[in-house]
Protein backbone atom coordinates (compact mmCIF):
# COMPACT_ATOMS: atom_id res chain seq x y z
CA MET A 1 0.35 0.24 0.14
CA SER A 2 1.41 3.58 -0.80
CA THR A 3 2.09 5.84 2.28
CA PRO A 4 -0.53 8.24 3.21
CA VAL A 5 -0.67 11.57 3.52
CA GLN A 6 -2.04 13.43 5.95
CA PRO A 7 -4.27 16.90 4.17
CA ASP A 8 -2.70 19.25 7.24
CA ASP A 9 1.15 18.03 6.82
CA ALA A 10 2.56 20.47 4.16
CA GLU A 11 5.69 19.68 4.45
CA ALA A 12 5.41 15.84 3.33
CA PHE A 13 2.99 16.36 0.93
CA ALA A 14 5.55 18.42 -0.74
CA ASP A 15 8.87 16.00 -0.05
CA ARG A 16 6.48 13.17 -2.05
CA LEU A 17 5.67 15.40 -5.19
CA THR A 18 9.53 16.46 -5.03
CA THR A 19 10.32 12.62 -4.93
CA ALA A 20 7.87 12.13 -8.14
CA ALA A 21 9.29 14.81 -10.66
CA LEU A 22 12.85 13.14 -9.86
CA GLY A 23 11.36 9.73 -11.20
CA ALA A 24 9.12 11.62 -13.83
CA ILE A 25 12.87 13.15 -14.80
CA GLU A 26 14.58 9.72 -14.55
CA THR A 27 11.47 8.01 -16.86
CA MET A 28 11.85 10.85 -19.39
CA SER A 29 15.93 10.91 -19.27
CA VAL A 30 15.28 6.73 -19.98
CA TYR A 31 12.70 7.37 -22.78
CA LEU A 32 15.94 9.54 -24.17
CA GLY A 33 18.97 7.22 -23.37
CA ASP A 34 16.72 4.21 -24.72
CA ARG A 35 15.14 5.76 -28.59
CA LEU A 36 18.79 7.80 -29.03
CA GLY A 37 20.57 4.59 -28.57
CA TRP A 38 22.71 5.13 -25.77
CA TYR A 39 21.94 2.79 -23.85
CA ARG A 40 22.54 -0.10 -26.11
CA SER A 41 25.54 1.75 -27.57
CA LEU A 42 26.96 1.32 -23.67
CA VAL A 43 26.06 -2.51 -23.96
CA ASP A 44 27.20 -3.57 -27.05
CA ASP A 45 30.26 -0.97 -27.69
CA GLY A 46 30.94 -1.04 -24.14
CA PRO A 47 31.87 1.84 -21.66
CA ALA A 48 32.22 5.13 -23.17
CA THR A 49 33.15 9.09 -23.18
CA ALA A 50 30.64 11.41 -24.29
CA ALA A 51 32.76 12.47 -27.51
CA GLU A 52 32.87 8.00 -28.14
CA LEU A 53 29.14 7.96 -27.48
CA ALA A 54 28.23 10.79 -29.52
CA ARG A 55 30.30 9.77 -32.14
CA ARG A 56 28.92 5.79 -32.32
CA THR A 57 25.04 6.53 -32.02
CA GLY A 58 25.32 9.94 -34.66
CA SER A 59 24.32 12.50 -31.70
CA ASP A 60 25.56 15.71 -30.44
CA GLU A 61 28.75 15.72 -28.01
CA ARG A 62 27.13 18.41 -25.43
CA TYR A 63 23.84 16.78 -25.15
CA ALA A 64 25.32 13.12 -25.37
CA ARG A 65 27.76 14.48 -21.91
CA GLU A 66 24.94 16.23 -20.21
CA TRP A 67 22.54 12.81 -20.29
CA LEU A 68 25.96 10.59 -18.82
CA GLU A 69 26.39 13.05 -16.14
CA GLN A 70 22.35 13.22 -15.09
CA GLN A 71 22.89 8.94 -15.66
CA ALA A 72 25.54 8.92 -13.26
CA THR A 73 24.45 11.19 -10.36
CA SER A 74 20.94 9.86 -10.97
CA GLY A 75 22.91 6.05 -9.88
CA ILE A 76 21.63 4.33 -13.26
CA LEU A 77 25.49 4.80 -14.67
CA ARG A 78 28.93 4.16 -12.82
CA VAL A 79 31.60 6.44 -13.75
CA GLU A 80 34.55 3.84 -14.73
CA HIS A 81 37.04 6.02 -14.93
CA GLU A 82 36.83 9.71 -13.99
CA ASP A 83 37.98 13.30 -15.21
CA ASP A 84 38.44 16.60 -13.64
CA ASP A 85 37.38 18.13 -16.46
CA GLY A 86 34.87 15.89 -17.75
CA ALA A 87 36.06 14.96 -21.32
CA HIS A 88 38.19 11.93 -21.30
CA ARG A 89 35.63 10.28 -18.76
CA ARG A 90 34.29 6.72 -19.09
CA TYR A 91 30.89 5.47 -17.92
CA ALA A 92 29.14 2.45 -17.85
CA LEU A 93 25.89 0.71 -17.66
CA PRO A 94 25.87 -1.31 -14.11
CA ALA A 95 24.82 -5.53 -15.86
CA PRO A 96 21.81 -4.94 -13.85
CA HIS A 97 20.79 -2.21 -14.92
CA ALA A 98 21.22 -3.53 -18.41
CA GLU A 99 18.72 -6.31 -18.48
CA VAL A 100 15.94 -3.74 -17.54
CA LEU A 101 16.77 -1.44 -19.81
CA THR A 102 18.03 -3.29 -22.87
CA ASP A 103 17.07 -6.88 -22.79
CA GLY A 104 13.08 -6.85 -24.63
CA GLY A 105 13.17 -11.14 -22.99
CA SER A 106 14.23 -9.84 -19.63
CA LEU A 107 10.96 -10.45 -17.26
CA ASN A 108 12.30 -7.58 -15.63
CA TYR A 109 12.50 -5.75 -18.98
CA LEU A 110 10.95 -2.09 -18.11
CA ALA A 111 12.29 0.65 -20.94
CA PRO A 112 9.09 0.05 -22.82
CA LEU A 113 7.50 2.09 -20.07
CA ALA A 114 9.53 4.99 -20.64
CA ARG A 115 8.56 5.41 -24.05
CA MET A 116 4.90 4.50 -23.22
CA LEU A 117 4.78 7.87 -21.92
CA GLY A 118 7.69 9.92 -23.50
CA ALA A 119 4.26 9.52 -25.96
CA VAL A 120 2.02 11.36 -24.73
CA ARG A 121 0.75 14.30 -25.49
CA VAL A 122 -0.02 15.92 -22.51
CA GLY A 123 -1.30 19.40 -24.27
CA ASP A 124 -3.59 17.35 -26.37
CA LEU A 125 -4.38 16.01 -23.35
CA VAL A 126 -5.27 19.12 -21.45
CA GLU A 127 -7.68 20.00 -24.28
CA VAL A 128 -9.85 15.92 -24.35
CA TYR A 129 -10.35 16.61 -20.63
CA ARG A 130 -12.36 19.92 -21.62
CA THR A 131 -14.01 19.16 -24.35
CA GLY A 132 -14.75 15.10 -23.58
CA GLY A 133 -13.43 13.76 -26.54
CA GLY A 134 -10.26 11.59 -27.12
CA ILE A 135 -7.17 11.02 -28.68
CA ASN A 136 -6.57 7.95 -31.28
CA TRP A 137 -3.78 5.52 -30.60
CA ASN A 138 -2.42 6.73 -34.28
CA ASP A 139 -1.76 9.65 -32.20
CA LEU A 140 0.57 8.43 -29.88
CA GLY A 141 2.64 6.78 -32.86
CA ASP A 142 5.17 4.29 -33.48
CA ASP A 143 6.16 4.99 -29.48
CA GLY A 144 3.08 4.05 -28.62
CA ARG A 145 2.62 0.58 -30.70
CA GLU A 146 6.16 -0.38 -29.75
CA ALA A 147 5.95 0.02 -26.32
CA GLN A 148 3.11 -1.21 -25.58
CA ALA A 149 3.39 -4.86 -27.78
CA ALA A 150 7.38 -4.72 -25.76
CA ILE A 151 6.47 -4.71 -22.71
CA ASN A 152 4.18 -7.94 -22.23
CA ARG A 153 6.09 -9.55 -24.94
CA PRO A 154 8.41 -11.17 -22.02
CA TRP A 155 5.65 -12.55 -20.21
CA PHE A 156 3.54 -13.66 -23.51
CA GLU A 157 7.21 -15.37 -24.25
CA GLU A 158 8.18 -17.20 -21.19
CA ARG A 159 4.88 -17.83 -19.30
CA LEU A 160 1.90 -17.42 -20.55
CA GLY A 161 2.22 -21.17 -22.37
CA GLU A 162 2.68 -22.16 -18.44
CA ALA A 163 0.33 -20.26 -16.71
CA LEU A 164 -2.60 -21.85 -19.14
CA GLY A 165 -1.01 -25.26 -18.95
CA GLY A 166 -1.23 -25.17 -15.38
CA VAL A 167 -5.64 -24.24 -15.55
CA PRO A 168 -6.38 -28.47 -16.28
CA GLN A 169 -10.07 -27.56 -17.70
CA VAL A 170 -8.24 -24.92 -19.89
CA ASP A 171 -5.55 -26.67 -21.14
CA ALA A 172 -8.09 -29.73 -22.30
CA GLN A 173 -9.97 -27.11 -24.31
CA LEU A 174 -7.24 -25.72 -25.87
CA ALA A 175 -4.80 -28.30 -26.62
CA LYS A 176 -7.74 -30.31 -28.75
CA ALA A 177 -5.69 -31.47 -32.21
CA GLY A 178 -6.82 -29.15 -34.53
CA ALA A 179 -8.31 -26.57 -32.19
CA ARG A 180 -9.09 -22.56 -33.96
CA PHE A 181 -8.15 -19.39 -31.38
CA ALA A 182 -8.81 -16.18 -32.17
CA ASP A 183 -6.66 -13.46 -30.59
CA VAL A 184 -8.80 -10.14 -30.54
CA GLY A 185 -6.99 -7.83 -30.42
CA CYS A 186 -3.88 -9.10 -30.58
CA GLY A 187 -0.96 -5.88 -31.68
CA TYR A 188 1.97 -6.70 -32.63
CA GLY A 189 0.71 -10.94 -32.18
CA TRP A 190 3.65 -12.16 -29.27
CA SER A 191 0.35 -13.04 -27.75
CA SER A 192 -0.48 -15.10 -30.67
CA ILE A 193 2.52 -16.28 -31.57
CA ALA A 194 3.14 -17.56 -27.88
CA LEU A 195 0.02 -19.36 -28.08
CA ALA A 196 0.40 -21.17 -31.21
CA ARG A 197 3.89 -21.88 -30.41
CA ALA A 198 2.52 -23.46 -26.81
CA TYR A 199 -0.34 -25.37 -28.32
CA PRO A 200 1.35 -26.62 -31.62
CA GLY A 201 -1.81 -28.18 -32.54
CA ALA A 202 -4.00 -25.52 -32.42
CA SER A 203 -3.85 -22.39 -35.03
CA VAL A 204 -4.95 -18.90 -34.33
CA ASP A 205 -6.63 -16.34 -36.28
CA GLY A 206 -5.25 -12.38 -34.38
CA TYR A 207 -7.79 -9.66 -34.96
CA ASP A 208 -6.48 -5.92 -34.41
CA VAL A 209 -7.64 -2.76 -35.44
CA ASP A 210 -4.79 -0.72 -36.12
CA ALA A 211 -3.19 -0.85 -39.72
CA PRO A 212 0.62 -0.50 -39.10
CA SER A 213 0.39 -3.16 -36.03
CA VAL A 214 -0.94 -6.43 -38.11
CA THR A 215 1.14 -5.23 -40.19
CA ALA A 216 4.11 -5.72 -37.34
CA ALA A 217 1.94 -8.80 -36.05
CA ARG A 218 2.47 -10.46 -39.86
CA ARG A 219 6.57 -9.92 -39.71
CA ASN A 220 6.71 -11.13 -36.95
CA ALA A 221 4.79 -14.56 -36.97
CA GLN A 222 7.06 -15.12 -39.93
CA GLU A 223 9.76 -14.72 -39.01
CA ALA A 224 9.00 -16.67 -35.80
CA GLY A 225 8.84 -19.36 -38.00
CA VAL A 226 5.17 -19.98 -36.79
CA ALA A 227 2.95 -17.85 -40.23
CA ASP A 228 1.64 -21.09 -41.54
CA ARG A 229 -0.41 -21.21 -37.96
CA VAL A 230 -0.77 -17.73 -37.19
CA ARG A 231 -2.73 -15.43 -39.79
CA VAL A 232 -4.11 -12.06 -38.22
CA HIS A 233 -6.59 -9.44 -39.49
CA HIS A 234 -7.46 -6.14 -39.98
CA VAL A 235 -10.64 -5.75 -38.02
CA HIS A 236 -12.41 -4.67 -35.11
CA GLY A 237 -13.93 -7.19 -32.82
CA GLU A 238 -17.29 -7.10 -33.78
CA GLY A 239 -15.97 -7.95 -37.27
CA ILE A 240 -15.06 -11.57 -35.70
CA THR A 241 -17.60 -13.80 -36.24
CA GLU A 242 -16.87 -13.81 -40.29
CA HIS A 243 -14.27 -16.43 -38.75
CA ALA A 244 -16.67 -18.77 -37.03
CA ALA A 245 -16.77 -21.72 -35.25
CA PHE A 246 -13.64 -21.04 -33.22
CA ASP A 247 -12.57 -23.52 -30.35
CA ALA A 248 -11.28 -21.00 -27.72
CA ALA A 249 -10.64 -17.33 -28.07
CA PHE A 250 -8.93 -14.60 -25.93
CA ILE A 251 -8.41 -10.16 -25.32
CA PHE A 252 -5.05 -9.99 -23.49
CA GLU A 253 -4.82 -6.63 -22.02
CA ALA A 254 -7.70 -4.76 -24.50
CA LEU A 255 -11.01 -5.31 -23.44
CA HIS A 256 -11.12 -1.92 -21.15
CA ASP A 257 -9.61 -0.39 -24.07
CA MET A 258 -11.99 -1.26 -26.18
CA PRO A 259 -15.05 1.46 -27.02
CA PHE A 260 -17.33 -0.86 -27.21
CA PRO A 261 -16.66 -3.78 -25.27
CA VAL A 262 -20.09 -5.44 -25.10
CA GLU A 263 -20.24 -5.22 -28.99
CA VAL A 264 -16.85 -6.86 -28.72
CA LEU A 265 -18.25 -10.02 -26.66
CA ARG A 266 -21.40 -10.68 -27.96
CA ALA A 267 -19.58 -10.47 -31.49
CA VAL A 268 -16.67 -13.13 -29.71
CA ARG A 269 -19.45 -15.59 -28.39
CA ALA A 270 -20.73 -15.95 -31.78
CA ALA A 271 -17.68 -17.36 -32.86
CA LEU A 272 -17.06 -19.83 -30.54
CA LYS A 273 -18.33 -23.01 -30.41
CA PRO A 274 -20.92 -24.55 -27.75
CA GLY A 275 -19.30 -24.76 -24.48
CA ALA A 276 -16.28 -22.43 -25.40
CA PRO A 277 -14.00 -20.27 -23.34
CA LEU A 278 -13.07 -16.67 -23.61
CA ILE A 279 -10.12 -15.89 -21.59
CA VAL A 280 -9.93 -12.32 -20.64
CA MET A 281 -6.59 -10.77 -19.52
CA ASP A 282 -6.60 -7.02 -17.58
CA GLU A 283 -5.41 -5.99 -15.00
CA ALA A 284 -5.36 -7.46 -11.83
CA VAL A 285 -7.12 -3.90 -9.56
CA ALA A 286 -8.93 -3.58 -6.97
CA GLU A 287 -12.72 -5.09 -6.81
CA ARG A 288 -13.53 -2.20 -5.31
CA PHE A 289 -12.26 1.65 -5.34
CA THR A 290 -10.92 2.34 -2.11
CA PRO A 291 -8.66 5.70 -1.13
CA ASP A 292 -4.52 4.63 -0.78
CA GLY A 293 -4.32 2.22 -2.91
CA ASP A 294 -1.73 0.07 -3.72
CA THR A 295 1.60 0.43 -6.67
CA VAL A 296 -1.15 -1.88 -9.14
CA GLU A 297 -3.80 0.61 -8.34
CA ARG A 298 -2.16 4.27 -8.79
CA ILE A 299 -0.12 2.67 -11.80
CA MET A 300 -3.53 1.57 -13.75
CA TYR A 301 -5.37 5.08 -12.73
CA GLY A 302 -1.93 6.18 -14.22
CA TYR A 303 -2.23 4.78 -17.29
CA SER A 304 -5.97 5.41 -17.55
CA LEU A 305 -5.11 9.19 -17.32
CA LEU A 306 -2.72 9.78 -20.35
CA LEU A 307 -3.43 6.93 -22.17
CA CYS A 308 -6.68 4.36 -22.33
CA LEU A 309 -9.39 6.24 -21.42
CA PRO A 310 -8.32 8.48 -23.66
CA GLU A 311 -7.69 6.33 -26.36
CA SER A 312 -11.30 5.01 -25.72
CA ARG A 313 -13.62 8.03 -26.13
CA VAL A 314 -12.51 8.67 -29.91
CA ASP A 315 -15.49 6.72 -30.34
CA GLU A 316 -18.56 8.71 -30.08
CA GLY A 317 -21.24 6.96 -27.34
CA SER A 318 -18.40 4.58 -25.92
CA ALA A 319 -18.42 2.90 -23.26
CA ALA A 320 -14.75 5.54 -21.58
CA THR A 321 -14.33 2.28 -19.49
CA GLY A 322 -10.47 2.94 -18.69
CA THR A 323 -8.00 0.54 -17.20
CA VAL A 324 -9.54 0.01 -14.63
CA MET A 325 -12.43 -1.88 -14.59
CA ARG A 326 -13.01 -4.70 -11.19
CA PRO A 327 -14.55 -7.83 -11.55
CA ALA A 328 -17.64 -6.44 -11.51
CA THR A 329 -17.46 -4.01 -14.58
CA LEU A 330 -16.00 -7.35 -16.75
CA GLU A 331 -19.23 -9.29 -15.50
CA ARG A 332 -21.81 -6.56 -16.01
CA TYR A 333 -20.57 -6.48 -19.95
CA ALA A 334 -20.58 -9.82 -20.12
CA THR A 335 -23.90 -10.60 -19.15
CA GLU A 336 -24.93 -8.19 -21.56
CA ALA A 337 -23.21 -9.65 -24.06
CA GLY A 338 -24.98 -13.46 -23.56
CA PHE A 339 -21.67 -15.10 -21.23
CA ALA A 340 -23.75 -16.68 -18.67
CA ARG A 341 -21.00 -17.31 -16.46
CA VAL A 342 -17.62 -15.32 -15.73
CA GLU A 343 -15.09 -17.60 -13.36
CA THR A 344 -11.36 -15.98 -12.21
CA LEU A 345 -9.29 -18.69 -13.39
CA PRO A 346 -5.76 -19.48 -10.61
CA ILE A 347 -3.61 -17.76 -12.88
CA ASP A 348 -0.43 -15.54 -10.38
CA ASP A 349 1.45 -15.92 -12.56
CA PHE A 350 0.91 -12.14 -14.04
CA ALA A 351 1.15 -10.24 -10.61
CA ALA A 352 -0.71 -7.22 -12.18
CA PHE A 353 -3.66 -9.36 -14.26
CA ARG A 354 -5.99 -11.30 -13.09
CA PHE A 355 -7.25 -14.47 -15.83
CA TYR A 356 -11.39 -14.27 -15.83
CA ALA A 357 -12.93 -17.63 -18.59
CA LEU A 358 -16.01 -16.18 -19.91
CA THR A 359 -18.78 -19.13 -20.80
């Protein structure tokens, strides 16, 4: 749980905001290091002075020097060779920090968080908060797309098959020979690819509304060697009924973003074989609102304020769910869509997520 600040303790609250500002500054500095390739160069090419780092990455030496000094001051980089005037000071990225900042296959990989926050257009947020409008996903550009795909990729690749296989009634359904799965809101396709790898006898149809993501997903499936069993379609979730008769369907961390979740759930239900499950993975938020929430609750409200809620409100008449979709909300959506039962699955491998089975 977070530590509540007493309303009459101005100094403590000022300290809290100062700490938060430092965190925001460090997050944006991580964004710079990630996007300019500076962290990657320090890993691949070794420790560097400002001049060496700038030369390696085709960037400006003066900016590189300021960033290197800030990173060392913040304890992110280590000074390997000191120099009084700074010109020959050499900086290194410690291995544990390198894992978090550059290893896209690690469960500790968090650079995409900075990339996602770097995509936020604060000025646009102010406007839509006044008018009630929304911010299109396309406006976030490749930073938003790539970050969303990269942050969950290690979980899909390393844990998804094991997590689903650990629930016998689900695993039995998925392991049927010739099974067909639907992955709605598949993004860059990492979840579809993980499903195909976990269940070699199955085929997966992925669906996403974002054309660049669909192109990336098709490329990723080809490179992963599963393009013969993973097909990706550029279509809204409501259009899934054109590819009916699925043995299972999945919506991974996407339902709360959808402007019309009930319509999507209704279409998925119509596309499933009788008795087949829809597995929904969404945020493991508290069952009900309470002040002074834990870390997961605070992060999810942050995502909702800056990204998910504005993105979902682009369409007129949107349900405007937001990232903090509590179990009762999902159950209401499922009931309205015609599902008879919503069950929380015993999957604990994804600490920030909760898995539901809708039947």
